[in-house]
């Protein structure tokens, strides 16, 4: 039994000069091989030079990773909008939904230096949903408290508007 000089598999040779198990190994030995490294995971292997130049990523762990996050051609800087609210890309965040977190909640968490509870509500004072400055945000302990306080503010503004209209008519 002989050992192929290219793939190192055992084979039965028909002549003394035969050093390869197949035509594929014979042809492969003529092509220049280089050490190739995956750009994402640093996996290394020996590849034919033309194939090594054509590929940047291995197919073991990086097959889909090359299309995610910053490597995606449609990457817009890690944020998107949903119902007027700005969402930021934070896959490591504990409250992330599909790798995104509402920016107004994230800003409030950074200000308070703690994670927000699920029932806590962050309100935009000026009603502009993507204005996430800390001075424009107010935290409520529950949705019912949020609705109650906002209803009182709307009622006060309405009463003030009526008073101003009465004063102007006199």
N, C-alpha and C. Protein backbone atom coordinates (compact mmCIF):
# COMPACT_ATOMS: atom_id res chain seq x y z
N UNK A 1 0.85 -1.18 0.00
CA UNK A 1 0.00 0.00 0.00
C UNK A 1 0.89 1.24 0.00
N UNK A 2 0.55 2.21 -0.86
CA UNK A 2 1.31 3.45 -0.97
C UNK A 2 0.56 4.59 -0.29
N UNK A 3 1.29 5.69 -0.04
CA UNK A 3 0.69 6.87 0.57
C UNK A 3 0.73 7.99 -0.46
N UNK A 4 -0.42 8.62 -0.72
CA UNK A 4 -0.51 9.73 -1.68
C UNK A 4 0.32 10.90 -1.17
N UNK A 5 1.14 11.49 -2.02
CA UNK A 5 1.99 12.61 -1.61
C UNK A 5 1.22 13.91 -1.47
N UNK A 6 -0.01 13.96 -1.96
CA UNK A 6 -0.82 15.19 -1.89
C UNK A 6 -1.80 15.17 -0.73
N UNK A 7 -2.63 14.11 -0.67
CA UNK A 7 -3.67 14.06 0.37
C UNK A 7 -3.32 13.12 1.53
N UNK A 8 -2.24 12.39 1.41
CA UNK A 8 -1.73 11.49 2.44
C UNK A 8 -2.64 10.31 2.75
N UNK A 9 -3.54 9.96 1.82
CA UNK A 9 -4.40 8.79 2.00
C UNK A 9 -3.69 7.56 1.43
N UNK A 10 -4.02 6.43 1.96
CA UNK A 10 -3.44 5.18 1.47
C UNK A 10 -4.13 4.72 0.19
N UNK A 11 -3.36 4.16 -0.77
CA UNK A 11 -3.93 3.64 -2.00
C UNK A 11 -3.06 2.52 -2.54
N UNK A 12 -3.65 1.73 -3.44
CA UNK A 12 -2.91 0.64 -4.08
C UNK A 12 -2.44 1.16 -5.44
N UNK A 13 -1.14 1.25 -5.62
CA UNK A 13 -0.58 1.78 -6.87
C UNK A 13 -0.29 0.68 -7.87
N UNK A 14 -0.41 1.03 -9.16
CA UNK A 14 -0.17 0.06 -10.22
C UNK A 14 1.28 0.08 -10.72
N UNK A 15 1.97 1.19 -10.46
CA UNK A 15 3.37 1.25 -10.89
C UNK A 15 4.21 1.85 -9.77
N UNK A 16 5.53 1.70 -9.88
CA UNK A 16 6.44 2.20 -8.85
C UNK A 16 6.48 3.73 -8.83
N UNK A 17 6.30 4.37 -9.99
CA UNK A 17 6.41 5.82 -10.08
C UNK A 17 5.16 6.55 -9.59
N UNK A 18 4.06 5.85 -9.50
CA UNK A 18 2.80 6.51 -9.14
C UNK A 18 2.87 7.00 -7.70
N UNK A 19 2.72 8.34 -7.51
CA UNK A 19 2.81 8.93 -6.18
C UNK A 19 1.50 9.53 -5.71
N UNK A 20 0.47 9.48 -6.58
CA UNK A 20 -0.82 10.09 -6.24
C UNK A 20 -1.94 9.07 -6.35
N UNK A 21 -2.96 9.23 -5.53
CA UNK A 21 -4.07 8.29 -5.52
C UNK A 21 -5.07 8.53 -6.64
N UNK A 22 -5.09 9.77 -7.20
CA UNK A 22 -6.06 10.08 -8.25
C UNK A 22 -5.52 11.20 -9.14
N UNK A 23 -6.23 11.44 -10.25
CA UNK A 23 -5.87 12.57 -11.13
C UNK A 23 -6.08 13.90 -10.41
N UNK A 24 -7.10 13.95 -9.55
CA UNK A 24 -7.39 15.17 -8.78
C UNK A 24 -6.19 15.55 -7.90
N UNK A 25 -5.63 14.59 -7.20
CA UNK A 25 -4.45 14.85 -6.37
C UNK A 25 -3.24 15.19 -7.22
N UNK A 26 -3.11 14.54 -8.34
CA UNK A 26 -2.00 14.80 -9.25
C UNK A 26 -2.06 16.24 -9.77
N UNK A 27 -3.25 16.66 -10.19
CA UNK A 27 -3.43 18.04 -10.68
C UNK A 27 -3.30 19.04 -9.55
N UNK A 28 -3.81 18.69 -8.38
CA UNK A 28 -3.76 19.59 -7.23
C UNK A 28 -2.34 19.86 -6.77
N UNK A 29 -1.47 18.88 -6.94
CA UNK A 29 -0.08 19.06 -6.50
C UNK A 29 0.65 20.06 -7.38
N UNK A 30 0.18 20.24 -8.59
CA UNK A 30 0.81 21.19 -9.51
C UNK A 30 0.41 22.63 -9.21
N UNK A 31 -0.74 22.80 -8.55
CA UNK A 31 -1.21 24.15 -8.23
C UNK A 31 -0.55 24.62 -6.94
N UNK A 32 -0.17 25.86 -6.93
CA UNK A 32 0.52 26.43 -5.76
C UNK A 32 -0.46 26.59 -4.60
N UNK A 33 -0.06 26.10 -3.45
CA UNK A 33 -0.90 26.19 -2.26
C UNK A 33 -0.30 27.20 -1.29
N UNK A 34 -1.19 27.95 -0.62
CA UNK A 34 -0.76 28.96 0.35
C UNK A 34 -1.53 28.78 1.65
N UNK A 35 -0.99 29.33 2.73
CA UNK A 35 -1.67 29.31 4.01
C UNK A 35 -2.67 30.46 4.02
N UNK A 36 -3.94 30.15 4.25
CA UNK A 36 -5.02 31.13 4.18
C UNK A 36 -5.63 31.32 5.57
N UNK A 37 -6.09 32.56 5.89
CA UNK A 37 -6.66 32.86 7.20
C UNK A 37 -7.99 33.59 7.05
N UNK A 38 -9.02 33.15 7.77
CA UNK A 38 -10.33 33.80 7.78
C UNK A 38 -10.21 35.16 8.45
N UNK A 39 -10.85 36.18 7.87
CA UNK A 39 -10.76 37.54 8.42
C UNK A 39 -11.54 37.72 9.71
N UNK A 40 -12.57 36.90 9.94
CA UNK A 40 -13.39 37.06 11.15
C UNK A 40 -12.90 36.24 12.34
N UNK A 41 -12.63 34.94 12.11
CA UNK A 41 -12.32 34.07 13.24
C UNK A 41 -10.86 33.61 13.28
N UNK A 42 -10.05 34.02 12.31
CA UNK A 42 -8.63 33.66 12.22
C UNK A 42 -8.38 32.16 12.03
N UNK A 43 -9.37 31.43 11.55
CA UNK A 43 -9.21 30.02 11.21
C UNK A 43 -8.23 29.93 10.04
N UNK A 44 -7.24 29.04 10.12
CA UNK A 44 -6.26 28.92 9.04
C UNK A 44 -6.32 27.53 8.41
N UNK A 45 -6.05 27.50 7.12
CA UNK A 45 -5.96 26.24 6.39
C UNK A 45 -5.14 26.46 5.12
N UNK A 46 -4.71 25.38 4.53
CA UNK A 46 -3.95 25.45 3.30
C UNK A 46 -4.92 25.42 2.13
N UNK A 47 -4.80 26.40 1.23
CA UNK A 47 -5.70 26.48 0.07
C UNK A 47 -4.91 26.73 -1.18
N UNK A 48 -5.51 26.36 -2.32
CA UNK A 48 -4.92 26.71 -3.61
C UNK A 48 -4.95 28.23 -3.73
N UNK A 49 -3.89 28.83 -4.24
CA UNK A 49 -3.71 30.27 -4.24
C UNK A 49 -4.90 31.03 -4.83
N UNK A 50 -5.43 30.57 -5.98
CA UNK A 50 -6.53 31.29 -6.62
C UNK A 50 -7.80 31.25 -5.76
N UNK A 51 -8.02 30.16 -5.03
CA UNK A 51 -9.19 30.07 -4.14
C UNK A 51 -8.97 30.90 -2.88
N UNK A 52 -7.75 30.95 -2.42
CA UNK A 52 -7.44 31.73 -1.22
C UNK A 52 -7.64 33.22 -1.48
N UNK A 53 -7.30 33.68 -2.67
CA UNK A 53 -7.48 35.09 -3.01
C UNK A 53 -8.96 35.44 -3.17
N UNK A 54 -9.78 34.47 -3.59
CA UNK A 54 -11.19 34.72 -3.85
C UNK A 54 -12.04 34.76 -2.58
N UNK A 55 -11.62 34.12 -1.51
CA UNK A 55 -12.45 34.05 -0.31
C UNK A 55 -11.82 34.78 0.86
N UNK A 56 -12.67 35.47 1.63
CA UNK A 56 -12.21 36.18 2.83
C UNK A 56 -12.63 35.46 4.10
N UNK A 57 -13.74 34.69 4.02
CA UNK A 57 -14.32 34.07 5.21
C UNK A 57 -14.42 32.56 5.05
N UNK A 58 -14.27 31.85 6.17
CA UNK A 58 -14.40 30.39 6.15
C UNK A 58 -15.88 30.01 6.16
N UNK A 59 -16.17 28.79 5.82
CA UNK A 59 -17.56 28.34 5.79
C UNK A 59 -17.93 27.63 7.08
N UNK A 60 -17.03 27.54 8.01
CA UNK A 60 -17.29 26.81 9.26
C UNK A 60 -18.16 27.66 10.19
N UNK A 61 -17.66 28.82 10.62
CA UNK A 61 -18.40 29.62 11.58
C UNK A 61 -18.82 30.98 11.03
N UNK A 62 -18.27 31.38 9.93
CA UNK A 62 -18.48 32.74 9.44
C UNK A 62 -19.38 32.83 8.22
N UNK A 63 -20.03 31.75 7.88
CA UNK A 63 -20.85 31.71 6.67
C UNK A 63 -21.90 32.82 6.68
N UNK A 64 -22.66 32.95 7.75
CA UNK A 64 -23.69 33.99 7.82
C UNK A 64 -23.21 35.26 8.50
N UNK A 65 -22.13 35.18 9.27
CA UNK A 65 -21.66 36.34 10.03
C UNK A 65 -21.19 37.47 9.13
N UNK A 66 -20.79 37.16 7.92
CA UNK A 66 -20.28 38.21 7.03
C UNK A 66 -21.39 39.14 6.56
N UNK A 67 -22.67 38.78 6.82
CA UNK A 67 -23.79 39.62 6.41
C UNK A 67 -24.43 40.35 7.58
N UNK A 68 -23.89 40.20 8.78
CA UNK A 68 -24.49 40.79 9.97
C UNK A 68 -23.77 42.04 10.42
N UNK A 69 -24.52 42.95 11.02
CA UNK A 69 -23.95 44.15 11.63
C UNK A 69 -23.18 45.03 10.66
N UNK A 70 -22.02 45.45 11.08
CA UNK A 70 -21.21 46.40 10.30
C UNK A 70 -20.74 45.83 8.97
N UNK A 71 -20.72 44.52 8.84
CA UNK A 71 -20.26 43.90 7.59
C UNK A 71 -21.35 43.86 6.52
N UNK A 72 -22.58 44.16 6.90
CA UNK A 72 -23.69 44.16 5.94
C UNK A 72 -23.64 45.42 5.08
N UNK A 73 -23.91 45.27 3.80
CA UNK A 73 -23.89 46.41 2.88
C UNK A 73 -24.95 47.45 3.19
N UNK A 74 -26.01 47.07 3.90
CA UNK A 74 -27.08 48.01 4.25
C UNK A 74 -26.92 48.63 5.64
N UNK A 75 -25.76 48.46 6.26
CA UNK A 75 -25.51 48.98 7.62
C UNK A 75 -25.65 50.49 7.63
N UNK A 76 -26.46 51.02 8.53
CA UNK A 76 -26.72 52.46 8.59
C UNK A 76 -26.23 53.07 9.90
N UNK A 77 -25.27 52.45 10.54
CA UNK A 77 -24.69 53.02 11.74
C UNK A 77 -25.25 52.49 13.04
N UNK A 78 -26.07 51.48 13.01
CA UNK A 78 -26.53 50.85 14.24
C UNK A 78 -27.82 51.39 14.81
N UNK A 79 -28.64 52.06 14.02
CA UNK A 79 -29.93 52.50 14.52
C UNK A 79 -30.99 52.35 13.43
N UNK A 80 -32.24 52.29 13.89
CA UNK A 80 -33.38 52.26 12.98
C UNK A 80 -34.56 52.88 13.70
N UNK A 81 -35.63 53.14 12.98
CA UNK A 81 -36.82 53.76 13.56
C UNK A 81 -37.99 52.79 13.51
N UNK A 82 -38.79 52.78 14.57
CA UNK A 82 -39.97 51.95 14.64
C UNK A 82 -41.07 52.75 15.35
N UNK A 83 -42.15 53.04 14.66
CA UNK A 83 -43.27 53.85 15.19
C UNK A 83 -42.81 55.21 15.70
N UNK A 84 -41.82 55.79 15.06
CA UNK A 84 -41.32 57.11 15.44
C UNK A 84 -40.22 57.09 16.49
N UNK A 85 -40.02 55.95 17.16
CA UNK A 85 -38.99 55.83 18.19
C UNK A 85 -37.68 55.36 17.58
N UNK A 86 -36.57 55.93 18.06
CA UNK A 86 -35.25 55.54 17.57
C UNK A 86 -34.78 54.32 18.35
N UNK A 87 -34.40 53.27 17.62
CA UNK A 87 -33.86 52.06 18.23
C UNK A 87 -32.38 51.97 17.90
N UNK A 88 -31.56 51.57 18.88
CA UNK A 88 -30.12 51.46 18.66
C UNK A 88 -29.69 50.00 18.78
N UNK A 89 -28.69 49.62 18.00
CA UNK A 89 -28.19 48.25 17.94
C UNK A 89 -27.34 47.96 19.16
N UNK A 90 -27.85 47.13 20.06
CA UNK A 90 -27.14 46.72 21.28
C UNK A 90 -27.44 45.24 21.54
N UNK A 91 -26.79 44.33 20.78
CA UNK A 91 -27.10 42.91 20.96
C UNK A 91 -26.73 42.37 22.34
N UNK A 92 -25.81 43.02 23.03
CA UNK A 92 -25.37 42.55 24.35
C UNK A 92 -26.28 43.02 25.48
N UNK A 93 -27.23 43.93 25.20
CA UNK A 93 -28.11 44.50 26.22
C UNK A 93 -29.11 43.44 26.70
N UNK A 94 -29.38 43.43 28.00
CA UNK A 94 -30.27 42.41 28.58
C UNK A 94 -31.72 42.55 28.13
N UNK A 95 -32.16 43.78 27.84
CA UNK A 95 -33.54 44.00 27.42
C UNK A 95 -33.68 44.18 25.91
N UNK A 96 -32.68 43.77 25.15
CA UNK A 96 -32.71 43.94 23.70
C UNK A 96 -33.75 43.01 23.08
N UNK A 97 -34.50 43.55 22.13
CA UNK A 97 -35.45 42.75 21.37
C UNK A 97 -34.95 42.74 19.94
N UNK A 98 -34.59 41.56 19.44
CA UNK A 98 -33.99 41.39 18.11
C UNK A 98 -32.76 42.28 17.96
N UNK A 99 -31.94 42.33 19.01
CA UNK A 99 -30.66 43.06 19.08
C UNK A 99 -30.80 44.58 19.15
N UNK A 100 -32.01 45.12 19.29
CA UNK A 100 -32.21 46.56 19.35
C UNK A 100 -32.87 46.96 20.67
N UNK A 101 -32.52 48.19 21.15
CA UNK A 101 -33.07 48.75 22.38
C UNK A 101 -33.59 50.14 22.05
N UNK A 102 -34.73 50.52 22.65
CA UNK A 102 -35.26 51.88 22.47
C UNK A 102 -34.25 52.86 23.06
N UNK A 103 -33.89 53.87 22.26
CA UNK A 103 -32.85 54.80 22.70
C UNK A 103 -33.28 55.59 23.93
N UNK A 104 -34.57 55.99 24.03
CA UNK A 104 -35.00 56.78 25.18
C UNK A 104 -34.89 55.97 26.47
N UNK A 105 -35.16 54.68 26.41
CA UNK A 105 -35.01 53.82 27.60
C UNK A 105 -33.52 53.64 27.93
N UNK A 106 -32.70 53.49 26.89
CA UNK A 106 -31.26 53.30 27.08
C UNK A 106 -30.63 54.56 27.71
N UNK A 107 -31.04 55.74 27.25
CA UNK A 107 -30.53 57.01 27.80
C UNK A 107 -30.91 57.13 29.27
N UNK A 108 -32.16 56.78 29.59
CA UNK A 108 -32.61 56.85 30.98
C UNK A 108 -31.85 55.84 31.85
N UNK A 109 -31.59 54.65 31.33
CA UNK A 109 -30.81 53.65 32.08
C UNK A 109 -29.40 54.15 32.37
N UNK A 110 -28.77 54.78 31.40
CA UNK A 110 -27.42 55.32 31.60
C UNK A 110 -27.43 56.43 32.64
N UNK A 111 -28.46 57.27 32.62
CA UNK A 111 -28.58 58.37 33.57
C UNK A 111 -28.79 57.85 35.00
N UNK A 112 -29.65 56.83 35.13
CA UNK A 112 -29.94 56.26 36.45
C UNK A 112 -28.89 55.24 36.90
N UNK A 113 -28.07 54.78 35.97
CA UNK A 113 -27.03 53.78 36.22
C UNK A 113 -27.63 52.46 36.72
N UNK A 114 -28.77 52.09 36.12
CA UNK A 114 -29.41 50.81 36.40
C UNK A 114 -30.32 50.44 35.23
N UNK A 115 -30.69 49.16 35.16
CA UNK A 115 -31.64 48.73 34.13
C UNK A 115 -33.04 49.14 34.54
N UNK A 116 -33.86 49.51 33.57
CA UNK A 116 -35.25 49.86 33.86
C UNK A 116 -36.08 48.59 34.01
N UNK A 117 -37.08 48.66 34.87
CA UNK A 117 -38.00 47.54 35.02
C UNK A 117 -38.95 47.53 33.82
N UNK A 118 -39.51 46.38 33.54
CA UNK A 118 -40.38 46.23 32.37
C UNK A 118 -41.59 47.17 32.44
N UNK A 119 -42.14 47.38 33.66
CA UNK A 119 -43.35 48.19 33.80
C UNK A 119 -43.07 49.71 33.81
N UNK A 120 -41.82 50.11 33.97
CA UNK A 120 -41.49 51.53 33.98
C UNK A 120 -41.63 52.13 32.58
N UNK A 121 -42.15 53.36 32.55
CA UNK A 121 -42.40 54.06 31.28
C UNK A 121 -41.54 55.31 31.21
N UNK A 122 -40.95 55.55 30.04
CA UNK A 122 -40.17 56.77 29.80
C UNK A 122 -40.99 57.65 28.88
N UNK A 123 -41.26 58.88 29.34
CA UNK A 123 -42.11 59.81 28.60
C UNK A 123 -41.28 60.93 27.99
N UNK A 124 -41.61 61.30 26.75
CA UNK A 124 -40.98 62.45 26.09
C UNK A 124 -41.81 63.69 26.43
N UNK A 125 -41.21 64.63 27.14
CA UNK A 125 -41.94 65.80 27.61
C UNK A 125 -42.48 66.64 26.45
N UNK A 126 -41.66 66.85 25.43
CA UNK A 126 -42.09 67.69 24.30
C UNK A 126 -42.84 66.91 23.22
N UNK A 127 -43.15 65.63 23.47
CA UNK A 127 -43.91 64.74 22.59
C UNK A 127 -43.20 64.39 21.28
N UNK A 128 -41.93 64.74 21.14
CA UNK A 128 -41.16 64.36 19.95
C UNK A 128 -40.44 63.06 20.29
N UNK A 129 -40.85 61.98 19.61
CA UNK A 129 -40.41 60.64 19.98
C UNK A 129 -38.92 60.37 19.78
N UNK A 130 -38.27 61.09 18.89
CA UNK A 130 -36.83 60.82 18.69
C UNK A 130 -35.94 61.89 19.32
N UNK A 131 -36.52 62.76 20.17
CA UNK A 131 -35.73 63.73 20.93
C UNK A 131 -35.39 63.07 22.27
N UNK A 132 -34.23 62.43 22.33
CA UNK A 132 -33.88 61.60 23.48
C UNK A 132 -32.86 62.24 24.42
N UNK A 133 -32.90 63.57 24.51
CA UNK A 133 -32.06 64.25 25.50
C UNK A 133 -32.62 63.97 26.89
N UNK A 134 -31.75 63.81 27.87
CA UNK A 134 -32.18 63.45 29.22
C UNK A 134 -33.12 64.51 29.81
N UNK A 135 -32.93 65.79 29.46
CA UNK A 135 -33.80 66.85 29.99
C UNK A 135 -35.20 66.80 29.36
N UNK A 136 -35.36 66.01 28.30
CA UNK A 136 -36.67 65.86 27.67
C UNK A 136 -37.37 64.57 28.08
N UNK A 137 -36.75 63.80 28.96
CA UNK A 137 -37.32 62.50 29.36
C UNK A 137 -37.78 62.53 30.81
N UNK A 138 -38.90 61.85 31.07
CA UNK A 138 -39.44 61.71 32.43
C UNK A 138 -39.77 60.25 32.64
N UNK A 139 -39.42 59.74 33.82
CA UNK A 139 -39.65 58.32 34.14
C UNK A 139 -40.88 58.17 35.02
N UNK A 140 -41.76 57.25 34.62
CA UNK A 140 -42.94 56.90 35.42
C UNK A 140 -42.81 55.45 35.85
N UNK A 141 -43.30 55.15 37.06
CA UNK A 141 -43.15 53.80 37.61
C UNK A 141 -44.08 52.79 36.94
N UNK A 142 -45.17 53.27 36.32
CA UNK A 142 -46.09 52.36 35.63
C UNK A 142 -46.81 53.11 34.52
N UNK A 143 -47.47 52.36 33.67
CA UNK A 143 -48.21 52.97 32.57
C UNK A 143 -49.42 53.74 33.09
N UNK A 144 -50.06 53.25 34.17
CA UNK A 144 -51.23 53.94 34.73
C UNK A 144 -50.83 55.30 35.30
N UNK A 145 -49.67 55.36 35.96
CA UNK A 145 -49.17 56.65 36.48
C UNK A 145 -48.88 57.60 35.32
N UNK A 146 -48.31 57.08 34.26
CA UNK A 146 -47.99 57.86 33.07
C UNK A 146 -49.27 58.47 32.48
N UNK A 147 -50.30 57.64 32.29
CA UNK A 147 -51.55 58.11 31.70
C UNK A 147 -52.23 59.13 32.61
N UNK A 148 -52.24 58.85 33.94
CA UNK A 148 -52.88 59.75 34.89
C UNK A 148 -52.22 61.13 34.87
N UNK A 149 -50.90 61.19 34.94
CA UNK A 149 -50.19 62.47 34.93
C UNK A 149 -50.34 63.20 33.61
N UNK A 150 -50.29 62.48 32.52
CA UNK A 150 -50.43 63.12 31.21
C UNK A 150 -51.84 63.65 31.01
N UNK A 151 -52.85 62.92 31.51
CA UNK A 151 -54.23 63.38 31.41
C UNK A 151 -54.41 64.67 32.20
N UNK A 152 -53.78 64.74 33.39
CA UNK A 152 -53.86 65.97 34.21
C UNK A 152 -53.21 67.14 33.48
N UNK A 153 -52.06 66.92 32.85
CA UNK A 153 -51.36 67.98 32.12
C UNK A 153 -52.20 68.47 30.94
N UNK A 154 -52.82 67.54 30.21
CA UNK A 154 -53.65 67.91 29.06
C UNK A 154 -54.85 68.72 29.53
N UNK A 155 -55.46 68.30 30.66
CA UNK A 155 -56.61 69.01 31.22
C UNK A 155 -56.21 70.42 31.65
N UNK A 156 -55.05 70.57 32.30
CA UNK A 156 -54.56 71.89 32.72
C UNK A 156 -54.35 72.79 31.51
N UNK A 157 -53.73 72.27 30.46
CA UNK A 157 -53.48 73.06 29.25
C UNK A 157 -54.78 73.48 28.59
N UNK A 158 -55.76 72.58 28.60
CA UNK A 158 -57.06 72.89 28.00
C UNK A 158 -57.76 73.99 28.79
N UNK A 159 -57.72 73.89 30.12
CA UNK A 159 -58.34 74.92 30.96
C UNK A 159 -57.63 76.26 30.79
N UNK A 160 -56.29 76.23 30.70
CA UNK A 160 -55.53 77.45 30.51
C UNK A 160 -55.86 78.09 29.15
N UNK A 161 -56.03 77.25 28.14
CA UNK A 161 -56.40 77.73 26.81
C UNK A 161 -57.77 78.39 26.82
N UNK A 162 -58.72 77.82 27.57
CA UNK A 162 -60.07 78.40 27.68
C UNK A 162 -60.02 79.75 28.38
N UNK A 163 -59.20 79.83 29.47
CA UNK A 163 -59.07 81.09 30.21
C UNK A 163 -58.49 82.18 29.30
N UNK A 164 -57.47 81.82 28.54
CA UNK A 164 -56.85 82.79 27.63
C UNK A 164 -57.85 83.25 26.56
N UNK A 165 -58.67 82.34 26.09
CA UNK A 165 -59.67 82.69 25.07
C UNK A 165 -60.73 83.62 25.66
N UNK A 166 -61.12 83.38 26.93
CA UNK A 166 -62.10 84.24 27.60
C UNK A 166 -61.52 85.63 27.83
N UNK A 167 -60.24 85.68 28.27
CA UNK A 167 -59.58 86.96 28.53
C UNK A 167 -59.45 87.79 27.24
N UNK A 168 -59.16 87.14 26.14
CA UNK A 168 -58.98 87.84 24.87
C UNK A 168 -60.32 88.36 24.34
N UNK A 169 -61.41 87.64 24.63
CA UNK A 169 -62.71 88.07 24.13
C UNK A 169 -63.26 89.27 24.89
N UNK A 170 -62.76 89.54 26.07
CA UNK A 170 -63.26 90.65 26.89
C UNK A 170 -62.64 91.93 26.52
